[in-house]
Amino acid sequence: MERTKNQQFFIYLGVIAVMIFTLAPIILLIIATLSSGQDLNSKTLHFLPSHWTLKNFTDIFTAESNDASVPPFMQALKNSIIVSLSTTFLTLIIAILASYAISRFRFKGQNGLLMSTLGFRMVPEIALLIPLFVIFARFGAINNLSSLILIYTAFNLPFAIWMLQGFFRSIPKSMEESAYLDGVSSFGVLIRFILPISLSGIIATGIFVLLASWDEFMFASIFTSTYDSKTITVAISEFSKRGMVNFGMQITGGLIASLPPIILALIFQKFIVSGLSEGSEKG
């Protein structure tokens, strides 16, 4: 009995330690957003500000740019939402069709195609940065959200295809064969049977694609130079210019940018856990 109590004590201690390790940065981030510039630039170590203020939030949502009718941060937030949702939708549509074809139909070079798809994702993104920039520049597609959507889709497709084909392979073919006997087409089987069964895996894959698109910085910083096309990661980085860093705006922007992923993770937590657990079992 005493041993059980000791085990529970260490379990609770471990849980508390993990919670502190996880929540402490978020709490400090929130406190920093409510601190004045003087507190943030102070060389004296202190956790609570001497003066609480909402100025960072008002400034980040009201500061106007020189060439835009809306605050640049708000425009960047809107651009990130458009790019992330569009990339996720386009990636899932293509990945579902490709994964179903790879997992259900037999054709020459099938395994080679799957491995080459994954191999493309192994190529460092920075190695393709200049060639892609030259190609898009010649087509006049710089400072265009569509360019970012196409690039993000291309880089996220291998991961999405690899994930989804594992889910589709695990579904018994007997169910599909009975549907075929009833006159259902291959596309009908995919829509009516495969997608509902694989819903948790599809949502989990979509969340990862959305987060990867939301957090991407390198391509967004190179392919965008106007307030109409910059994403939120680029907008946050621009609070640091010419050796001067506006810590208040940068931290506040980081907090706002982190809220959508956190909210999505909380909403779809059940699907993410279920999708990953099913994927590990099926793998």
Protein backbone atom coordinates (compact mmCIF):
# COMPACT_ATOMS: atom_id res chain seq x y z
CA MET A 1 0.00 0.00 0.00
CA GLU A 2 2.85 2.33 0.86
CA ARG A 3 4.47 1.60 -2.47
CA THR A 4 1.29 2.54 -4.29
CA LYS A 5 1.14 5.88 -2.50
CA ASN A 6 4.74 6.59 -3.46
CA GLN A 7 3.99 5.76 -7.06
CA GLN A 8 0.99 8.08 -7.08
CA PHE A 9 3.09 10.83 -5.50
CA PHE A 10 5.72 10.63 -8.25
CA ILE A 11 3.02 10.43 -10.93
CA TYR A 12 1.37 13.60 -9.62
CA LEU A 13 4.78 15.25 -9.31
CA GLY A 14 5.57 14.37 -12.90
CA VAL A 15 2.21 15.70 -14.11
CA ILE A 16 2.74 18.97 -12.25
CA ALA A 17 6.24 19.29 -13.69
CA VAL A 18 4.97 18.73 -17.24
CA MET A 19 2.16 21.26 -16.74
CA ILE A 20 4.60 23.88 -15.45
CA PHE A 21 6.99 23.19 -18.32
CA THR A 22 4.13 23.47 -20.84
CA LEU A 23 2.12 26.36 -19.41
CA ALA A 24 4.91 28.57 -18.05
CA PRO A 25 5.98 29.92 -21.49
CA ILE A 26 2.35 30.66 -22.41
CA ILE A 27 1.72 32.45 -19.12
CA LEU A 28 4.89 34.51 -19.51
CA LEU A 29 3.87 35.32 -23.08
CA ILE A 30 0.48 36.62 -21.93
CA ILE A 31 2.08 38.69 -19.18
CA ALA A 32 4.53 40.17 -21.68
CA THR A 33 1.71 41.28 -23.98
CA LEU A 34 0.21 43.23 -21.07
CA SER A 35 3.53 44.89 -20.20
CA SER A 36 4.71 48.32 -21.27
CA GLY A 37 7.74 48.85 -23.46
CA GLN A 38 9.69 50.11 -20.48
CA ASP A 39 9.11 46.85 -18.60
CA LEU A 40 10.02 44.72 -21.60
CA ASN A 41 13.26 46.62 -22.21
CA SER A 42 14.20 46.75 -18.55
CA LYS A 43 17.47 45.07 -17.61
CA THR A 44 16.12 44.21 -14.18
CA LEU A 45 14.73 40.69 -13.87
CA HIS A 46 11.05 40.69 -12.92
CA PHE A 47 8.10 38.50 -13.87
CA LEU A 48 5.22 40.91 -13.32
CA PRO A 49 5.16 44.33 -15.00
CA SER A 50 5.17 47.50 -12.97
CA HIS A 51 2.46 48.91 -15.24
CA TRP A 52 -0.26 46.78 -16.87
CA THR A 53 -1.44 48.01 -20.26
CA LEU A 54 -3.42 46.99 -23.36
CA LYS A 55 -1.45 49.35 -25.59
CA ASN A 56 0.24 46.50 -27.45
CA PHE A 57 -3.13 45.12 -28.56
CA THR A 58 -4.53 48.48 -29.57
CA ASP A 59 -1.37 49.36 -31.50
CA ILE A 60 -1.18 46.09 -33.40
CA PHE A 61 -4.80 46.32 -34.56
CA THR A 62 -4.89 50.05 -35.35
CA ALA A 63 -1.47 50.83 -36.83
CA GLU A 64 -2.02 51.77 -40.48
CA SER A 65 0.38 51.03 -43.30
CA ASN A 66 1.37 53.49 -45.97
CA ASP A 67 -0.21 51.63 -48.86
CA ALA A 68 -3.12 49.72 -47.32
CA SER A 69 -6.58 50.75 -46.17
CA VAL A 70 -6.49 48.29 -43.25
CA PRO A 71 -3.89 47.74 -40.53
CA PRO A 72 -1.03 45.60 -41.96
CA PHE A 73 -1.29 43.02 -39.19
CA MET A 74 -5.00 42.51 -39.82
CA GLN A 75 -4.32 42.13 -43.55
CA ALA A 76 -1.55 39.62 -42.79
CA LEU A 77 -3.88 37.68 -40.51
CA LYS A 78 -6.49 37.56 -43.26
CA ASN A 79 -3.87 36.42 -45.80
CA SER A 80 -2.68 33.61 -43.51
CA ILE A 81 -6.24 32.38 -43.03
CA ILE A 82 -6.86 32.36 -46.79
CA VAL A 83 -3.58 30.63 -47.61
CA SER A 84 -3.81 28.02 -44.83
CA LEU A 85 -7.43 27.04 -45.48
CA SER A 86 -6.98 26.98 -49.26
CA THR A 87 -3.80 24.89 -48.98
CA THR A 88 -5.44 22.44 -46.61
CA PHE A 89 -8.51 22.04 -48.82
CA LEU A 90 -6.52 21.61 -52.04
CA THR A 91 -4.00 19.26 -50.43
CA LEU A 92 -6.68 17.00 -48.95
CA ILE A 93 -8.65 16.80 -52.21
CA ILE A 94 -5.58 15.75 -54.22
CA ALA A 95 -4.17 13.54 -51.47
CA ILE A 96 -7.44 11.65 -50.95
CA LEU A 97 -7.76 10.83 -54.64
CA ALA A 98 -4.08 9.91 -55.01
CA SER A 99 -4.00 7.85 -51.80
CA TYR A 100 -7.12 5.92 -52.75
CA ALA A 101 -5.68 5.11 -56.18
CA ILE A 102 -2.36 3.96 -54.69
CA SER A 103 -3.98 1.84 -51.99
CA ARG A 104 -6.67 0.19 -54.11
CA PHE A 105 -5.49 -0.08 -57.73
CA ARG A 106 -2.54 -2.04 -59.01
CA PHE A 107 -0.39 -0.49 -61.74
CA LYS A 108 3.21 -0.61 -62.92
CA GLY A 109 5.63 1.41 -60.81
CA GLN A 110 3.16 1.81 -57.95
CA ASN A 111 5.67 1.39 -55.13
CA GLY A 112 8.25 3.48 -56.95
CA LEU A 113 5.73 6.29 -57.33
CA LEU A 114 4.92 6.21 -53.63
CA MET A 115 8.58 6.23 -52.62
CA SER A 116 9.44 9.01 -55.08
CA THR A 117 6.58 11.07 -53.67
CA LEU A 118 8.02 10.72 -50.19
CA GLY A 119 11.53 11.29 -51.55
CA PHE A 120 10.50 14.67 -52.96
CA ARG A 121 9.64 15.77 -49.43
CA MET A 122 13.16 14.84 -48.32
CA VAL A 123 14.63 17.56 -50.55
CA PRO A 124 15.52 20.63 -48.43
CA GLU A 125 13.08 23.42 -49.13
CA ILE A 126 15.87 25.99 -49.33
CA ALA A 127 17.40 24.09 -52.26
CA LEU A 128 14.26 24.79 -54.30
CA LEU A 129 13.80 28.38 -53.14
CA ILE A 130 15.74 30.16 -55.91
CA PRO A 131 14.48 27.96 -58.82
CA LEU A 132 10.89 28.42 -57.69
CA PHE A 133 11.35 32.16 -57.26
CA VAL A 134 12.76 32.48 -60.81
CA ILE A 135 9.88 30.45 -62.27
CA PHE A 136 7.16 32.39 -60.45
CA ALA A 137 8.85 35.72 -61.17
CA ARG A 138 8.84 35.00 -64.91
CA PHE A 139 5.11 34.33 -64.73
CA GLY A 140 4.55 37.51 -62.72
CA ALA A 141 3.26 35.53 -59.78
CA ILE A 142 5.26 37.21 -57.01
CA ASN A 143 3.23 38.95 -54.29
CA ASN A 144 0.36 36.61 -55.04
CA LEU A 145 -1.39 34.43 -52.48
CA SER A 146 -2.06 31.81 -55.15
CA SER A 147 1.68 31.25 -55.49
CA LEU A 148 2.03 30.47 -51.79
CA ILE A 149 -0.97 28.14 -51.95
CA LEU A 150 0.56 26.17 -54.85
CA ILE A 151 3.96 25.95 -53.17
CA TYR A 152 2.55 24.89 -49.80
CA THR A 153 0.33 22.32 -51.49
CA ALA A 154 3.28 20.82 -53.36
CA PHE A 155 5.35 20.47 -50.20
CA ASN A 156 2.52 19.12 -48.05
CA LEU A 157 1.17 16.61 -50.57
CA PRO A 158 3.80 13.89 -49.96
CA PHE A 159 3.09 13.87 -46.23
CA ALA A 160 -0.69 13.86 -46.76
CA ILE A 161 -0.55 11.07 -49.37
CA TRP A 162 1.70 8.93 -47.20
CA MET A 163 -0.56 9.36 -44.20
CA LEU A 164 -3.87 8.75 -45.97
CA GLN A 165 -2.82 5.75 -48.03
CA GLY A 166 -2.02 3.97 -44.76
CA PHE A 167 -5.58 4.52 -43.56
CA PHE A 168 -7.10 3.44 -46.87
CA ARG A 169 -4.99 0.26 -47.05
CA SER A 170 -6.28 -0.86 -43.65
CA ILE A 171 -9.93 -0.79 -44.74
CA PRO A 172 -11.15 -4.28 -45.75
CA LYS A 173 -11.80 -4.64 -49.47
CA SER A 174 -14.76 -6.93 -48.83
CA MET A 175 -16.91 -3.92 -48.01
CA GLU A 176 -16.04 -2.29 -51.32
CA GLU A 177 -16.62 -5.48 -53.28
CA SER A 178 -20.16 -5.75 -51.93
CA ALA A 179 -20.75 -2.12 -52.93
CA TYR A 180 -19.46 -2.83 -56.43
CA LEU A 181 -21.95 -5.69 -56.71
CA ASP A 182 -24.71 -3.18 -55.96
CA GLY A 183 -23.55 -1.05 -58.91
CA VAL A 184 -21.67 1.64 -56.94
CA SER A 185 -18.79 3.23 -58.85
CA SER A 186 -15.24 3.56 -57.48
CA PHE A 187 -15.80 7.25 -56.81
CA GLY A 188 -19.09 6.45 -55.09
CA VAL A 189 -17.36 3.90 -52.86
CA LEU A 190 -14.75 6.49 -51.94
CA ILE A 191 -17.34 9.14 -51.03
CA ARG A 192 -19.95 6.93 -49.35
CA PHE A 193 -17.77 4.37 -47.52
CA ILE A 194 -14.04 5.15 -47.42
CA LEU A 195 -14.19 8.81 -46.38
CA PRO A 196 -16.60 8.34 -43.42
CA ILE A 197 -14.52 5.46 -42.06
CA SER A 198 -11.26 7.41 -42.44
CA LEU A 199 -12.67 10.71 -41.14
CA SER A 200 -10.42 10.86 -38.06
CA GLY A 201 -7.32 10.27 -40.16
CA ILE A 202 -8.36 12.86 -42.73
CA ILE A 203 -8.98 15.48 -40.03
CA ALA A 204 -5.67 14.73 -38.33
CA THR A 205 -3.83 15.03 -41.64
CA GLY A 206 -5.68 18.26 -42.46
CA ILE A 207 -4.74 19.79 -39.09
CA PHE A 208 -1.05 19.06 -39.65
CA VAL A 209 -1.17 20.51 -43.16
CA LEU A 210 -2.96 23.62 -41.90
CA LEU A 211 -0.42 24.17 -39.11
CA ALA A 212 2.50 23.70 -41.50
CA SER A 213 1.00 26.31 -43.85
CA TRP A 214 0.16 28.69 -41.01
CA ASP A 215 3.68 28.59 -39.53
CA GLU A 216 5.67 28.71 -42.79
CA PHE A 217 8.03 31.68 -43.01
CA MET A 218 10.82 31.15 -45.55
CA PHE A 219 8.78 31.09 -48.77
CA ALA A 220 6.36 33.72 -47.46
CA SER A 221 9.20 36.13 -46.70
CA ILE A 222 10.77 35.72 -50.16
CA PHE A 223 7.62 35.59 -52.32
CA THR A 224 5.82 38.51 -50.66
CA SER A 225 6.89 42.13 -50.30
CA THR A 226 3.62 44.09 -50.16
CA TYR A 227 1.13 44.40 -47.31
CA ASP A 228 -1.56 42.92 -49.56
CA SER A 229 0.27 39.59 -49.76
CA LYS A 230 2.32 39.19 -46.56
CA THR A 231 1.33 36.48 -44.12
CA ILE A 232 1.25 36.73 -40.34
CA THR A 233 4.70 35.19 -39.83
CA VAL A 234 6.26 37.82 -42.08
CA ALA A 235 4.30 40.62 -40.40
CA ILE A 236 5.57 39.56 -36.97
CA SER A 237 9.18 39.48 -38.17
CA GLU A 238 8.89 43.04 -39.45
CA PHE A 239 8.46 44.39 -35.93
CA SER A 240 12.24 43.97 -35.82
CA LYS A 241 13.96 46.35 -38.26
CA ARG A 242 17.25 48.22 -38.52
CA GLY A 243 18.57 46.93 -35.21
CA MET A 244 15.46 48.03 -33.31
CA VAL A 245 13.01 45.49 -31.93
CA ASN A 246 9.50 46.34 -30.81
CA PHE A 247 9.19 43.55 -28.27
CA GLY A 248 5.64 44.49 -27.29
CA MET A 249 4.26 44.28 -30.83
CA GLN A 250 6.31 41.19 -31.67
CA ILE A 251 5.19 39.27 -28.58
CA THR A 252 1.57 40.34 -29.00
CA GLY A 253 1.63 39.30 -32.65
CA GLY A 254 3.10 35.94 -31.67
CA LEU A 255 0.36 35.38 -29.09
CA ILE A 256 -2.40 36.25 -31.58
CA ALA A 257 -0.81 34.02 -34.23
CA SER A 258 -0.68 31.09 -31.80
CA LEU A 259 -4.37 31.27 -30.88
CA PRO A 260 -5.89 29.69 -34.07
CA PRO A 261 -3.69 26.55 -33.88
CA ILE A 262 -4.43 26.16 -30.16
CA ILE A 263 -8.17 26.58 -30.70
CA LEU A 264 -8.14 24.07 -33.58
CA ALA A 265 -6.18 21.56 -31.53
CA LEU A 266 -8.68 21.85 -28.68
CA ILE A 267 -11.71 21.54 -30.97
CA PHE A 268 -10.39 18.57 -32.95
CA GLN A 269 -8.43 16.97 -30.12
CA LYS A 270 -10.49 13.80 -30.22
CA PHE A 271 -10.01 13.38 -33.97
CA ILE A 272 -6.27 14.09 -33.80
CA VAL A 273 -5.65 11.56 -31.04
CA SER A 274 -7.90 9.00 -32.71
CA GLY A 275 -6.33 9.55 -36.11
CA LEU A 276 -2.76 9.22 -34.84
CA SER A 277 -3.55 6.18 -32.71
CA GLU A 278 -5.29 4.46 -35.61
CA GLY A 279 -2.40 5.35 -37.89
CA SER A 280 0.13 3.81 -35.48
CA GLU A 281 -1.94 0.65 -35.13
CA LYS A 282 -2.43 0.34 -38.87
CA GLY A 283 1.20 1.09 -39.60
